[in-house]
Amino acid sequence: MLRIYKTAEATQYVRAQVVSANDDGPVDPTTFPVFFAFPSNGSTPVDADWVSADWVTSNGYLARIKVGPDGDIDLGATDYSVWVKVVTGDESPEKLAGYLTVE
């Protein structure tokens, strides 16, 4: 599980590995939309928390989002849970990927 520390002034990518499979074996998840949510530590995300992200495939399947003042989402100084959701045609699993502390 990832654990990230960053300052409120910094802009950086948060990445989470995504493993996907069906009854036939591994599936490439990058054909589906991916989202991140950063609720307060210990909370679960609600619909309004989800922010669109993208994929990186240089080292497996990594979902990523840029966090900070010049990013996709700017978070204030506190502790957050990091959640990832991949939306397929019939499923949208939400997984806790780790924790983020913004100082």
PDB file of N, CA and C in Angstrom:
ATOM      1  N   MET A   1       0.853  -1.181   0.000  1.00  0.00           N
ATOM      2  CA  MET A   1       0.000   0.000   0.000  1.00  0.00           C
ATOM      3  C   MET A   1       0.893   1.235   0.000  1.00  0.00           C
ATOM      4  N   LEU A   2       0.549   2.198  -0.842  1.00  0.00           N
ATOM      5  CA  LEU A   2       1.411   3.366  -0.953  1.00  0.00           C
ATOM      6  C   LEU A   2       1.224   4.330   0.207  1.00  0.00           C
ATOM      7  N   ARG A   3       2.296   5.034   0.518  1.00  0.00           N
ATOM      8  CA  ARG A   3       2.291   6.071   1.544  1.00  0.00           C
ATOM      9  C   ARG A   3       3.082   7.229   0.974  1.00  0.00           C
ATOM     10  N   ILE A   4       2.423   8.388   0.770  1.00  0.00           N
ATOM     11  CA  ILE A   4       3.043   9.538   0.120  1.00  0.00           C
ATOM     12  C   ILE A   4       2.977  10.739   1.047  1.00  0.00           C
ATOM     13  N   TYR A   5       4.074  11.483   1.076  1.00  0.00           N
ATOM     14  CA  TYR A   5       4.132  12.754   1.795  1.00  0.00           C
ATOM     15  C   TYR A   5       4.485  13.832   0.784  1.00  0.00           C
ATOM     16  N   LYS A   6       3.781  14.967   0.822  1.00  0.00           N
ATOM     17  CA  LYS A   6       4.106  16.085  -0.062  1.00  0.00           C
ATOM     18  C   LYS A   6       3.750  17.390   0.626  1.00  0.00           C
ATOM     19  N   THR A   7       4.369  18.463   0.198  1.00  0.00           N
ATOM     20  CA  THR A   7       4.009  19.770   0.714  1.00  0.00           C
ATOM     21  C   THR A   7       2.811  20.301  -0.065  1.00  0.00           C
ATOM     22  N   ALA A   8       2.092  21.207   0.524  1.00  0.00           N
ATOM     23  CA  ALA A   8       0.918  21.788  -0.137  1.00  0.00           C
ATOM     24  C   ALA A   8       1.315  22.577  -1.380  1.00  0.00           C
ATOM     25  N   GLU A   9       2.543  23.089  -1.419  1.00  0.00           N
ATOM     26  CA  GLU A   9       3.002  23.902  -2.544  1.00  0.00           C
ATOM     27  C   GLU A   9       3.474  23.058  -3.729  1.00  0.00           C
ATOM     28  N   ALA A  10       3.778  21.804  -3.503  1.00  0.00           N
ATOM     29  CA  ALA A  10       4.329  20.947  -4.564  1.00  0.00           C
ATOM     30  C   ALA A  10       3.215  20.385  -5.447  1.00  0.00           C
ATOM     31  N   THR A  11       3.532  20.216  -6.716  1.00  0.00           N
ATOM     32  CA  THR A  11       2.648  19.521  -7.651  1.00  0.00           C
ATOM     33  C   THR A  11       3.381  18.269  -8.108  1.00  0.00           C
ATOM     34  N   GLN A  12       2.739  17.122  -7.915  1.00  0.00           N
ATOM     35  CA  GLN A  12       3.371  15.862  -8.299  1.00  0.00           C
ATOM     36  C   GLN A  12       2.316  14.820  -8.625  1.00  0.00           C
ATOM     37  N   TYR A  13       2.744  13.790  -9.360  1.00  0.00           N
ATOM     38  CA  TYR A  13       1.841  12.696  -9.683  1.00  0.00           C
ATOM     39  C   TYR A  13       1.714  11.746  -8.502  1.00  0.00           C
ATOM     40  N   VAL A  14       0.496  11.285  -8.291  1.00  0.00           N
ATOM     41  CA  VAL A  14       0.219  10.165  -7.396  1.00  0.00           C
ATOM     42  C   VAL A  14      -0.135   9.002  -8.310  1.00  0.00           C
ATOM     43  N   ARG A  15       0.541   7.882  -8.115  1.00  0.00           N
ATOM     44  CA  ARG A  15       0.336   6.706  -8.968  1.00  0.00           C
ATOM     45  C   ARG A  15      -0.094   5.522  -8.123  1.00  0.00           C
ATOM     46  N   ALA A  16      -0.916   4.669  -8.715  1.00  0.00           N
ATOM     47  CA  ALA A  16      -1.349   3.449  -8.032  1.00  0.00           C
ATOM     48  C   ALA A  16      -1.393   2.321  -9.049  1.00  0.00           C
ATOM     49  N   GLN A  17      -0.828   1.185  -8.690  1.00  0.00           N
ATOM     50  CA  GLN A  17      -0.858   0.030  -9.588  1.00  0.00           C
ATOM     51  C   GLN A  17      -2.251  -0.564  -9.601  1.00  0.00           C
ATOM     52  N   VAL A  18      -2.710  -0.935 -10.800  1.00  0.00           N
ATOM     53  CA  VAL A  18      -4.022  -1.559 -10.973  1.00  0.00           C
ATOM     54  C   VAL A  18      -3.809  -2.927 -11.612  1.00  0.00           C
ATOM     55  N   VAL A  19      -4.352  -3.948 -10.969  1.00  0.00           N
ATOM     56  CA  VAL A  19      -4.305  -5.310 -11.495  1.00  0.00           C
ATOM     57  C   VAL A  19      -5.729  -5.704 -11.825  1.00  0.00           C
ATOM     58  N   SER A  20      -5.932  -6.187 -13.045  1.00  0.00           N
ATOM     59  CA  SER A  20      -7.281  -6.503 -13.507  1.00  0.00           C
ATOM     60  C   SER A  20      -7.296  -7.877 -14.155  1.00  0.00           C
ATOM     61  N   ALA A  21      -8.335  -8.651 -13.861  1.00  0.00           N
ATOM     62  CA  ALA A  21      -8.472  -9.986 -14.448  1.00  0.00           C
ATOM     63  C   ALA A  21      -9.944 -10.367 -14.521  1.00  0.00           C
ATOM     64  N   ASN A  22     -10.224 -11.305 -15.421  1.00  0.00           N
ATOM     65  CA  ASN A  22     -11.552 -11.917 -15.480  1.00  0.00           C
ATOM     66  C   ASN A  22     -11.363 -13.432 -15.453  1.00  0.00           C
ATOM     67  N   ASP A  23     -12.384 -14.191 -15.754  1.00  0.00           N
ATOM     68  CA  ASP A  23     -12.300 -15.652 -15.707  1.00  0.00           C
ATOM     69  C   ASP A  23     -11.268 -16.226 -16.678  1.00  0.00           C
ATOM     70  N   ASP A  24     -10.932 -15.453 -17.720  1.00  0.00           N
ATOM     71  CA  ASP A  24      -9.977 -15.922 -18.721  1.00  0.00           C
ATOM     72  C   ASP A  24      -8.535 -15.527 -18.417  1.00  0.00           C
ATOM     73  N   GLY A  25      -8.314 -14.724 -17.393  1.00  0.00           N
ATOM     74  CA  GLY A  25      -6.964 -14.308 -17.030  1.00  0.00           C
ATOM     75  C   GLY A  25      -6.824 -12.799 -16.976  1.00  0.00           C
ATOM     76  N   PRO A  26      -5.580 -12.292 -17.062  1.00  0.00           N
ATOM     77  CA  PRO A  26      -5.329 -10.851 -16.957  1.00  0.00           C
ATOM     78  C   PRO A  26      -6.028 -10.045 -18.054  1.00  0.00           C
ATOM     79  N   VAL A  27      -6.430  -8.828 -17.696  1.00  0.00           N
ATOM     80  CA  VAL A  27      -7.114  -7.918 -18.616  1.00  0.00           C
ATOM     81  C   VAL A  27      -6.391  -6.574 -18.581  1.00  0.00           C
ATOM     82  N   ASP A  28      -6.232  -5.953 -19.739  1.00  0.00           N
ATOM     83  CA  ASP A  28      -5.642  -4.619 -19.830  1.00  0.00           C
ATOM     84  C   ASP A  28      -6.701  -3.601 -19.380  1.00  0.00           C
ATOM     85  N   PRO A  29      -6.526  -2.957 -18.201  1.00  0.00           N
ATOM     86  CA  PRO A  29      -7.541  -2.022 -17.713  1.00  0.00           C
ATOM     87  C   PRO A  29      -7.495  -0.651 -18.382  1.00  0.00           C
ATOM     88  N   THR A  30      -6.462  -0.386 -19.186  1.00  0.00           N
ATOM     89  CA  THR A  30      -6.285   0.962 -19.727  1.00  0.00           C
ATOM     90  C   THR A  30      -7.317   1.342 -20.782  1.00  0.00           C
ATOM     91  N   THR A  31      -8.157   0.402 -21.180  1.00  0.00           N
ATOM     92  CA  THR A  31      -9.235   0.729 -22.120  1.00  0.00           C
ATOM     93  C   THR A  31     -10.439   1.328 -21.401  1.00  0.00           C
ATOM     94  N   PHE A  32     -10.387   1.374 -20.055  1.00  0.00           N
ATOM     95  CA  PHE A  32     -11.496   1.882 -19.253  1.00  0.00           C
ATOM     96  C   PHE A  32     -11.100   3.178 -18.544  1.00  0.00           C
ATOM     97  N   PRO A  33     -12.084   4.030 -18.259  1.00  0.00           N
ATOM     98  CA  PRO A  33     -11.800   5.251 -17.500  1.00  0.00           C
ATOM     99  C   PRO A  33     -11.365   4.911 -16.077  1.00  0.00           C
ATOM    100  N   VAL A  34     -10.448   5.734 -15.558  1.00  0.00           N
ATOM    101  CA  VAL A  34      -9.950   5.547 -14.199  1.00  0.00           C
ATOM    102  C   VAL A  34     -10.099   6.863 -13.433  1.00  0.00           C
ATOM    103  N   PHE A  35     -10.348   6.751 -12.134  1.00  0.00           N
ATOM    104  CA  PHE A  35     -10.604   7.909 -11.275  1.00  0.00           C
ATOM    105  C   PHE A  35      -9.880   7.735  -9.941  1.00  0.00           C
ATOM    106  N   PHE A  36      -9.527   8.860  -9.326  1.00  0.00           N
ATOM    107  CA  PHE A  36      -8.993   8.882  -7.967  1.00  0.00           C
ATOM    108  C   PHE A  36      -9.940   9.673  -7.072  1.00  0.00           C
ATOM    109  N   ALA A  37      -9.927   9.330  -5.792  1.00  0.00           N
ATOM    110  CA  ALA A  37     -10.627  10.111  -4.775  1.00  0.00           C
ATOM    111  C   ALA A  37      -9.708  10.228  -3.571  1.00  0.00           C
ATOM    112  N   PHE A  38      -9.793  11.372  -2.881  1.00  0.00           N
ATOM    113  CA  PHE A  38      -8.948  11.649  -1.730  1.00  0.00           C
ATOM    114  C   PHE A  38      -9.794  12.115  -0.551  1.00  0.00           C
ATOM    115  N   PRO A  39     -10.616  11.225   0.014  1.00  0.00           N
ATOM    116  CA  PRO A  39     -11.398  11.638   1.178  1.00  0.00           C
ATOM    117  C   PRO A  39     -10.489  11.764   2.409  1.00  0.00           C
ATOM    118  N   SER A  40     -10.981  12.436   3.431  1.00  0.00           N
ATOM    119  CA  SER A  40     -10.230  12.534   4.679  1.00  0.00           C
ATOM    120  C   SER A  40      -9.875  11.137   5.153  1.00  0.00           C
ATOM    121  N   ASN A  41      -8.697  11.025   5.745  1.00  0.00           N
ATOM    122  CA  ASN A  41      -8.211   9.727   6.200  1.00  0.00           C
ATOM    123  C   ASN A  41      -9.267   9.008   7.033  1.00  0.00           C
ATOM    124  N   GLY A  42      -9.555   7.767   6.684  1.00  0.00           N
ATOM    125  CA  GLY A  42     -10.533   6.976   7.412  1.00  0.00           C
ATOM    126  C   GLY A  42     -11.930   7.031   6.819  1.00  0.00           C
ATOM    127  N   SER A  43     -12.149   7.919   5.851  1.00  0.00           N
ATOM    128  CA  SER A  43     -13.459   8.027   5.203  1.00  0.00           C
ATOM    129  C   SER A  43     -13.451   7.270   3.885  1.00  0.00           C
ATOM    130  N   THR A  44     -14.642   6.932   3.423  1.00  0.00           N
ATOM    131  CA  THR A  44     -14.773   6.344   2.094  1.00  0.00           C
ATOM    132  C   THR A  44     -15.276   7.419   1.140  1.00  0.00           C
ATOM    133  N   PRO A  45     -14.966   7.314  -0.144  1.00  0.00           N
ATOM    134  CA  PRO A  45     -15.364   8.359  -1.090  1.00  0.00           C
ATOM    135  C   PRO A  45     -16.860   8.361  -1.376  1.00  0.00           C
ATOM    136  N   VAL A  46     -17.370   9.552  -1.692  1.00  0.00           N
ATOM    137  CA  VAL A  46     -18.733   9.724  -2.195  1.00  0.00           C
ATOM    138  C   VAL A  46     -18.622  10.125  -3.657  1.00  0.00           C
ATOM    139  N   ASP A  47     -19.728  10.113  -4.375  1.00  0.00           N
ATOM    140  CA  ASP A  47     -19.710  10.370  -5.822  1.00  0.00           C
ATOM    141  C   ASP A  47     -18.968  11.649  -6.202  1.00  0.00           C
ATOM    142  N   ALA A  48     -19.144  12.715  -5.425  1.00  0.00           N
ATOM    143  CA  ALA A  48     -18.536  14.004  -5.757  1.00  0.00           C
ATOM    144  C   ALA A  48     -17.015  14.018  -5.568  1.00  0.00           C
ATOM    145  N   ASP A  49     -16.448  13.015  -4.905  1.00  0.00           N
ATOM    146  CA  ASP A  49     -15.007  12.969  -4.632  1.00  0.00           C
ATOM    147  C   ASP A  49     -14.172  12.514  -5.830  1.00  0.00           C
ATOM    148  N   TRP A  50     -14.758  11.811  -6.773  1.00  0.00           N
ATOM    149  CA  TRP A  50     -13.991  11.166  -7.844  1.00  0.00           C
ATOM    150  C   TRP A  50     -13.533  12.168  -8.893  1.00  0.00           C
ATOM    151  N   VAL A  51     -12.226  12.100  -9.230  1.00  0.00           N
ATOM    152  CA  VAL A  51     -11.603  12.980 -10.215  1.00  0.00           C
ATOM    153  C   VAL A  51     -10.971  12.112 -11.305  1.00  0.00           C
ATOM    154  N   SER A  52     -11.200  12.481 -12.549  1.00  0.00           N
ATOM    155  CA  SER A  52     -10.675  11.725 -13.685  1.00  0.00           C
ATOM    156  C   SER A  52      -9.146  11.695 -13.657  1.00  0.00           C
ATOM    157  N   ALA A  53      -8.601  10.534 -14.011  1.00  0.00           N
ATOM    158  CA  ALA A  53      -7.152  10.337 -14.037  1.00  0.00           C
ATOM    159  C   ALA A  53      -6.767   9.720 -15.378  1.00  0.00           C
ATOM    160  N   ASP A  54      -5.514   9.334 -15.506  1.00  0.00           N
ATOM    161  CA  ASP A  54      -5.081   8.676 -16.729  1.00  0.00           C
ATOM    162  C   ASP A  54      -4.189   7.491 -16.401  1.00  0.00           C
ATOM    163  N   TRP A  55      -3.693   6.863 -17.455  1.00  0.00           N
ATOM    164  CA  TRP A  55      -2.911   5.631 -17.326  1.00  0.00           C
ATOM    165  C   TRP A  55      -1.474   5.838 -17.761  1.00  0.00           C
ATOM    166  N   VAL A  56      -0.564   5.089 -17.130  1.00  0.00           N
ATOM    167  CA  VAL A  56       0.827   4.972 -17.538  1.00  0.00           C
ATOM    168  C   VAL A  56       1.115   3.474 -17.623  1.00  0.00           C
ATOM    169  N   THR A  57       1.737   3.048 -18.703  1.00  0.00           N
ATOM    170  CA  THR A  57       1.963   1.611 -18.876  1.00  0.00           C
ATOM    171  C   THR A  57       3.442   1.264 -18.995  1.00  0.00           C
ATOM    172  N   SER A  58       4.323   2.135 -18.558  1.00  0.00           N
ATOM    173  CA  SER A  58       5.755   1.873 -18.686  1.00  0.00           C
ATOM    174  C   SER A  58       6.236   0.791 -17.715  1.00  0.00           C
ATOM    175  N   ASN A  59       5.506   0.556 -16.645  1.00  0.00           N
ATOM    176  CA  ASN A  59       5.903  -0.442 -15.640  1.00  0.00           C
ATOM    177  C   ASN A  59       4.649  -1.090 -15.077  1.00  0.00           C
ATOM    178  N   GLY A  60       3.987  -1.901 -15.882  1.00  0.00           N
ATOM    179  CA  GLY A  60       2.703  -2.459 -15.474  1.00  0.00           C
ATOM    180  C   GLY A  60       1.601  -1.465 -15.802  1.00  0.00           C
ATOM    181  N   TYR A  61       0.477  -1.593 -15.127  1.00  0.00           N
ATOM    182  CA  TYR A  61      -0.653  -0.686 -15.331  1.00  0.00           C
ATOM    183  C   TYR A  61      -0.745   0.240 -14.126  1.00  0.00           C
ATOM    184  N   LEU A  62      -0.398   1.503 -14.328  1.00  0.00           N
ATOM    185  CA  LEU A  62      -0.440   2.490 -13.264  1.00  0.00           C
ATOM    186  C   LEU A  62      -1.465   3.560 -13.586  1.00  0.00           C
ATOM    187  N   ALA A  63      -2.380   3.776 -12.658  1.00  0.00           N
ATOM    188  CA  ALA A  63      -3.270   4.928 -12.739  1.00  0.00           C
ATOM    189  C   ALA A  63      -2.511   6.104 -12.141  1.00  0.00           C
ATOM    190  N   ARG A  64      -2.727   7.295 -12.680  1.00  0.00           N
ATOM    191  CA  ARG A  64      -2.029   8.453 -12.123  1.00  0.00           C
ATOM    192  C   ARG A  64      -2.894   9.699 -12.207  1.00  0.00           C
ATOM    193  N   ILE A  65      -2.613  10.609 -11.274  1.00  0.00           N
ATOM    194  CA  ILE A  65      -3.276  11.903 -11.235  1.00  0.00           C
ATOM    195  C   ILE A  65      -2.286  12.916 -10.688  1.00  0.00           C
ATOM    196  N   LYS A  66      -2.316  14.113 -11.226  1.00  0.00           N
ATOM    197  CA  LYS A  66      -1.407  15.168 -10.763  1.00  0.00           C
ATOM    198  C   LYS A  66      -2.080  15.928  -9.623  1.00  0.00           C
ATOM    199  N   VAL A  67      -1.402  15.960  -8.475  1.00  0.00           N
ATOM    200  CA  VAL A  67      -1.939  16.573  -7.266  1.00  0.00           C
ATOM    201  C   VAL A  67      -1.107  17.799  -6.905  1.00  0.00           C
ATOM    202  N   GLY A  68      -1.768  18.918  -6.678  1.00  0.00           N
ATOM    203  CA  GLY A  68      -1.082  20.146  -6.280  1.00  0.00           C
ATOM    204  C   GLY A  68      -1.687  21.354  -6.964  1.00  0.00           C
ATOM    205  N   PRO A  69      -1.133  22.528  -6.687  1.00  0.00           N
ATOM    206  CA  PRO A  69      -1.691  23.772  -7.225  1.00  0.00           C
ATOM    207  C   PRO A  69      -1.798  23.800  -8.747  1.00  0.00           C
ATOM    208  N   ASP A  70      -0.885  23.131  -9.463  1.00  0.00           N
ATOM    209  CA  ASP A  70      -0.916  23.105 -10.926  1.00  0.00           C
ATOM    210  C   ASP A  70      -1.385  21.757 -11.452  1.00  0.00           C
ATOM    211  N   GLY A  71      -2.104  21.013 -10.628  1.00  0.00           N
ATOM    212  CA  GLY A  71      -2.510  19.662 -10.996  1.00  0.00           C
ATOM    213  C   GLY A  71      -3.988  19.528 -11.300  1.00  0.00           C
ATOM    214  N   ASP A  72      -4.423  18.279 -11.313  1.00  0.00           N
ATOM    215  CA  ASP A  72      -5.830  17.964 -11.556  1.00  0.00           C
ATOM    216  C   ASP A  72      -6.692  18.204 -10.325  1.00  0.00           C
ATOM    217  N   ILE A  73      -6.058  18.155  -9.142  1.00  0.00           N
ATOM    218  CA  ILE A  73      -6.738  18.412  -7.886  1.00  0.00           C
ATOM    219  C   ILE A  73      -5.739  19.032  -6.920  1.00  0.00           C
ATOM    220  N   ASP A  74      -6.172  20.049  -6.184  1.00  0.00           N
ATOM    221  CA  ASP A  74      -5.324  20.723  -5.206  1.00  0.00           C
ATOM    222  C   ASP A  74      -5.886  20.413  -3.827  1.00  0.00           C
ATOM    223  N   LEU A  75      -5.062  19.818  -2.969  1.00  0.00           N
ATOM    224  CA  LEU A  75      -5.515  19.383  -1.650  1.00  0.00           C
ATOM    225  C   LEU A  75      -4.851  20.215  -0.566  1.00  0.00           C
ATOM    226  N   GLY A  76      -5.621  20.553   0.465  1.00  0.00           N
ATOM    227  CA  GLY A  76      -5.092  21.283   1.600  1.00  0.00           C
ATOM    228  C   GLY A  76      -4.292  20.380   2.519  1.00  0.00           C
ATOM    229  N   ALA A  77      -3.608  20.994   3.474  1.00  0.00           N
ATOM    230  CA  ALA A  77      -2.747  20.262   4.399  1.00  0.00           C
ATOM    231  C   ALA A  77      -3.571  19.429   5.382  1.00  0.00           C
ATOM    232  N   THR A  78      -3.515  18.120   5.232  1.00  0.00           N
ATOM    233  CA  THR A  78      -4.127  17.147   6.135  1.00  0.00           C
ATOM    234  C   THR A  78      -3.791  15.747   5.634  1.00  0.00           C
ATOM    235  N   ASP A  79      -4.367  14.747   6.256  1.00  0.00           N
ATOM    236  CA  ASP A  79      -4.158  13.360   5.850  1.00  0.00           C
ATOM    237  C   ASP A  79      -5.340  12.874   5.018  1.00  0.00           C
ATOM    238  N   TYR A  80      -5.046  12.139   3.948  1.00  0.00           N
ATOM    239  CA  TYR A  80      -6.074  11.637   3.035  1.00  0.00           C
ATOM    240  C   TYR A  80      -5.906  10.138   2.794  1.00  0.00           C
ATOM    241  N   SER A  81      -7.002   9.482   2.508  1.00  0.00           N
ATOM    242  CA  SER A  81      -6.976   8.137   1.946  1.00  0.00           C
ATOM    243  C   SER A  81      -6.930   8.294   0.429  1.00  0.00           C
ATOM    244  N   VAL A  82      -6.213   7.403  -0.257  1.00  0.00           N
ATOM    245  CA  VAL A  82      -6.115   7.435  -1.717  1.00  0.00           C
ATOM    246  C   VAL A  82      -6.901   6.246  -2.261  1.00  0.00           C
ATOM    247  N   TRP A  83      -7.952   6.539  -3.020  1.00  0.00           N
ATOM    248  CA  TRP A  83      -8.814   5.510  -3.604  1.00  0.00           C
ATOM    249  C   TRP A  83      -8.724   5.560  -5.116  1.00  0.00           C
ATOM    250  N   VAL A  84      -8.818   4.398  -5.755  1.00  0.00           N
ATOM    251  CA  VAL A  84      -8.816   4.281  -7.213  1.00  0.00           C
ATOM    252  C   VAL A  84     -10.065   3.523  -7.645  1.00  0.00           C
ATOM    253  N   LYS A  85     -10.661   3.995  -8.750  1.00  0.00           N
ATOM    254  CA  LYS A  85     -11.845   3.337  -9.308  1.00  0.00           C
ATOM    255  C   LYS A  85     -11.673   3.219 -10.814  1.00  0.00           C
ATOM    256  N   VAL A  86     -11.915   2.016 -11.342  1.00  0.00           N
ATOM    257  CA  VAL A  86     -11.912   1.770 -12.781  1.00  0.00           C
ATOM    258  C   VAL A  86     -13.352   1.435 -13.168  1.00  0.00           C
ATOM    259  N   VAL A  87     -13.879   2.167 -14.151  1.00  0.00           N
ATOM    260  CA  VAL A  87     -15.278   1.989 -14.550  1.00  0.00           C
ATOM    261  C   VAL A  87     -15.327   1.173 -15.841  1.00  0.00           C
ATOM    262  N   THR A  88     -15.825  -0.051 -15.732  1.00  0.00           N
ATOM    263  CA  THR A  88     -15.995  -0.908 -16.906  1.00  0.00           C
ATOM    264  C   THR A  88     -17.461  -0.870 -17.304  1.00  0.00           C
ATOM    265  N   GLY A  89     -17.827  -1.672 -18.263  1.00  0.00           N
ATOM    266  CA  GLY A  89     -19.220  -1.697 -18.698  1.00  0.00           C
ATOM    267  C   GLY A  89     -20.183  -2.134 -17.618  1.00  0.00           C
ATOM    268  N   ASP A  90     -19.780  -3.083 -16.782  1.00  0.00           N
ATOM    269  CA  ASP A  90     -20.725  -3.608 -15.794  1.00  0.00           C
ATOM    270  C   ASP A  90     -20.210  -3.562 -14.360  1.00  0.00           C
ATOM    271  N   GLU A  91     -19.009  -3.042 -14.145  1.00  0.00           N
ATOM    272  CA  GLU A  91     -18.460  -2.932 -12.799  1.00  0.00           C
ATOM    273  C   GLU A  91     -17.758  -1.597 -12.619  1.00  0.00           C
ATOM    274  N   SER A  92     -17.651  -1.166 -11.372  1.00  0.00           N
ATOM    275  CA  SER A  92     -16.837   0.008 -11.043  1.00  0.00           C
ATOM    276  C   SER A  92     -16.233  -0.196  -9.652  1.00  0.00           C
ATOM    277  N   PRO A  93     -15.283  -1.136  -9.555  1.00  0.00           N
ATOM    278  CA  PRO A  93     -14.679  -1.417  -8.259  1.00  0.00           C
ATOM    279  C   PRO A  93     -13.907  -0.217  -7.721  1.00  0.00           C
ATOM    280  N   GLU A  94     -14.027  -0.003  -6.435  1.00  0.00           N
ATOM    281  CA  GLU A  94     -13.316   1.069  -5.734  1.00  0.00           C
ATOM    282  C   GLU A  94     -12.361   0.416  -4.748  1.00  0.00           C
ATOM    283  N   LYS A  95     -11.075   0.759  -4.846  1.00  0.00           N
ATOM    284  CA  LYS A  95     -10.053   0.134  -4.012  1.00  0.00           C
ATOM    285  C   LYS A  95      -9.231   1.181  -3.280  1.00  0.00           C
ATOM    286  N   LEU A  96      -8.988   0.914  -2.000  1.00  0.00           N
ATOM    287  CA  LEU A  96      -8.084   1.754  -1.222  1.00  0.00           C
ATOM    288  C   LEU A  96      -6.662   1.447  -1.683  1.00  0.00           C
ATOM    289  N   ALA A  97      -5.956   2.468  -2.198  1.00  0.00           N
ATOM    290  CA  ALA A  97      -4.608   2.281  -2.722  1.00  0.00           C
ATOM    291  C   ALA A  97      -3.533   2.684  -1.718  1.00  0.00           C
ATOM    292  N   GLY A  98      -3.890   3.549  -0.759  1.00  0.00           N
ATOM    293  CA  GLY A  98      -2.897   3.988   0.204  1.00  0.00           C
ATOM    294  C   GLY A  98      -3.304   5.279   0.889  1.00  0.00           C
ATOM    295  N   TYR A  99      -2.269   6.036   1.297  1.00  0.00           N
ATOM    296  CA  TYR A  99      -2.496   7.234   2.092  1.00  0.00           C
ATOM    297  C   TYR A  99      -1.582   8.350   1.626  1.00  0.00           C
ATOM    298  N   LEU A 100      -2.084   9.575   1.727  1.00  0.00           N
ATOM    299  CA  LEU A 100      -1.374  10.770   1.320  1.00  0.00           C
ATOM    300  C   LEU A 100      -1.424  11.781   2.452  1.00  0.00           C
ATOM    301  N   THR A 101      -0.261  12.297   2.837  1.00  0.00           N
ATOM    302  CA  THR A 101      -0.190  13.374   3.803  1.00  0.00           C
ATOM    303  C   THR A 101       0.292  14.614   3.084  1.00  0.00           C
ATOM    304  N   VAL A 102      -0.494  15.681   3.162  1.00  0.00           N
ATOM    305  CA  VAL A 102      -0.113  16.970   2.599  1.00  0.00           C
ATOM    306  C   VAL A 102       0.254  17.859   3.771  1.00  0.00           C
ATOM    307  N   GLU A 103       1.492  18.369   3.753  1.00  0.00           N
ATOM    308  CA  GLU A 103       1.995  19.211   4.855  1.00  0.00           C
ATOM    309  C   GLU A 103       2.139  20.642   4.425  1.00  0.00           C
TER     310      GLU A 103
END
